[in-house]
Every structure is written in C-alpha cells, then in structure tokens.
Protein backbone atom coordinates (compact mmCIF):
# COMPACT_ATOMS: atom_id res chain seq x y z
CA GLU A 1 3.37 -2.89 -35.77
CA VAL A 2 1.71 -6.20 -35.17
CA GLY A 3 -1.70 -6.74 -36.74
CA GLY A 4 -2.16 -3.01 -37.34
CA ARG A 5 -1.48 -2.13 -33.69
CA ARG A 6 1.65 -1.12 -31.97
CA PRO A 7 2.71 -3.46 -29.10
CA PHE A 8 3.38 -0.45 -26.89
CA CYS A 9 -0.27 0.63 -27.13
CA ARG A 10 -1.46 -2.76 -25.93
CA ARG A 11 0.95 -2.73 -23.03
CA TRP A 12 -0.12 0.79 -22.08
CA ARG A 13 -3.82 -0.17 -22.25
CA ARG A 14 -3.18 -3.27 -20.10
CA ARG A 15 -1.27 -1.14 -17.55
CA ARG A 16 -4.10 1.42 -17.46
CA GLU A 17 -6.62 -1.40 -16.89
CA GLU A 18 -4.47 -2.82 -14.06
CA MET A 19 -4.34 0.60 -12.40
CA ALA A 20 -8.13 0.91 -12.72
CA THR A 21 -8.47 -2.51 -11.07
CA ILE A 22 -6.20 -1.44 -8.19
CA GLN A 23 -8.18 1.77 -7.74
CA ASP A 24 -11.44 -0.22 -7.78
CA ARG A 25 -10.11 -2.58 -5.11
CA ILE A 26 -9.02 0.33 -2.93
CA SER A 27 -12.38 2.10 -3.28
CA GLN A 28 -14.32 -1.09 -2.44
CA TYR A 29 -12.10 -1.91 0.53
CA LYS A 30 -14.00 -2.82 3.70
CA THR A 31 -11.61 -4.71 6.00
CA ALA A 32 -8.21 -6.36 5.85
CA PRO A 33 -8.27 -9.49 3.68
CA PHE A 34 -6.56 -12.73 4.64
CA ASP A 35 -2.79 -12.51 4.29
CA ALA A 36 -1.01 -15.87 4.09
CA ARG A 37 2.10 -14.35 5.66
CA PHE A 38 0.12 -13.87 8.89
CA PRO A 39 -2.11 -16.98 9.32
CA ASN A 40 -2.55 -16.70 13.09
CA THR A 41 -5.28 -14.92 14.98
CA ASN A 42 -2.82 -12.42 16.43
CA GLN A 43 -2.56 -9.72 13.75
CA THR A 44 0.03 -7.52 15.46
CA ARG A 45 2.75 -8.27 12.91
CA ASN A 46 0.31 -7.80 10.05
CA CYS A 47 -0.61 -4.39 11.45
CA TYR A 48 3.02 -3.33 11.82
CA GLN A 49 4.07 -4.67 8.40
CA ASN A 50 1.29 -2.79 6.62
CA TYR A 51 2.23 0.39 8.49
CA LEU A 52 5.81 0.00 7.28
CA ASP A 53 4.71 -0.92 3.74
CA PHE A 54 2.52 2.19 3.52
CA HIS A 55 5.32 4.54 4.51
CA ARG A 56 7.89 2.73 2.34
CA CYS A 57 5.52 2.89 -0.62
CA GLN A 58 4.91 6.60 -0.09
CA LYS A 59 8.62 7.31 0.27
CA ALA A 60 9.57 5.34 -2.86
CA LEU A 61 6.83 6.76 -5.09
CA THR A 62 7.33 10.32 -3.86
CA ALA A 63 11.05 10.08 -4.60
CA THR A 64 10.33 8.99 -8.18
CA GLY A 65 7.52 11.50 -8.67
CA LYS A 66 4.83 8.87 -9.17
CA ASP A 67 1.24 8.80 -7.93
CA VAL A 68 1.12 7.68 -4.29
CA SER A 69 -2.59 6.82 -4.35
CA VAL A 70 -1.71 3.14 -4.88
CA CYS A 71 -0.26 3.19 -1.34
CA ASP A 72 -3.74 3.80 0.08
CA TRP A 73 -4.31 0.04 0.21
CA TYR A 74 -1.64 -0.36 2.92
CA ARG A 75 -3.01 2.62 4.84
CA LYS A 76 -6.53 1.21 4.86
CA VAL A 77 -5.27 -2.20 6.00
CA TYR A 78 -3.18 -0.86 8.88
CA LYS A 79 -5.94 1.56 9.88
CA SER A 80 -8.36 -1.36 10.19
CA LEU A 81 -5.92 -3.63 12.05
CA CYS A 82 -3.91 -1.30 14.30
CA PRO A 83 -5.16 0.42 17.44
CA ASN A 84 -5.13 4.21 17.02
CA SER A 85 -2.85 4.59 20.03
CA TRP A 86 -0.15 2.51 18.29
CA VAL A 87 -0.42 4.47 15.06
CA ASN A 88 -0.25 7.79 16.92
CA LYS A 89 2.80 6.61 18.87
CA TRP A 90 4.55 5.38 15.71
CA ASP A 91 3.76 8.65 13.92
CA ASP A 92 5.23 10.60 16.84
CA HIS A 93 8.38 8.44 16.76
CA ARG A 94 8.74 8.89 12.98
CA GLU A 95 8.45 12.66 13.33
CA ALA A 96 11.01 12.67 16.15
CA GLY A 97 13.36 10.43 14.12
CA THR A 98 13.32 7.67 16.74
CA PHE A 99 11.10 5.14 14.93
CA ALA A 100 12.59 1.64 15.16
CA GLY A 101 11.36 0.37 11.77
CA LYS A 102 13.28 0.83 8.52
CA ILE A 103 11.29 3.02 6.17
C-alpha cells in the first residue's frame, strides 16, 4: 500500500477512465479525423487501412475473449471514408477467402 491505497486500484481506475474516454469518443464520432499517415486529399489508402484495422482488431480481441466494442472506431472511420460498393466487395472477398489484405 502507498498512502493508504493499493497501486493496483489506481491503475485499474485509470484504465477504466481511459476506456470511458474511448467510448465517449466513439459515441461522439461524426466523421473521420485527420490522420497524419494520410496527409493527401486522396483518402483511398486511409479507407482501406481502417477497414483492415477494424477486422484485425475484431479478430485479435475475439481470440482473447475481450470486448470488441473498442474496434467500432475503425468501423465508423472506414464507413465514412469508403464507398459502400468497395466495402461490400471486400466483405464478399473475405467471406469467399479471396481477400487480398492480411487480417
């Protein structure tokens, strides 16, 4: 104990506050924010990367039994950037096992 409190409790409280902040950001999401990795007007790569990140996040968290709701951020970003026809095509390719990206 440090100062009458256990260090673990403080870490747990800080982690819970961080998760609340992430959930707040996701719920207040309106459109894709600026991403320094994709500074150009053409947002095709940004769209594709967020699609991959969403599915990688879901796969990793599902495998470990954790809450996948934190992956919603990526889904909302790619949904706002990507044309629906692309997303539908990529979903079809993933289901058929012919998707080119590494998830």
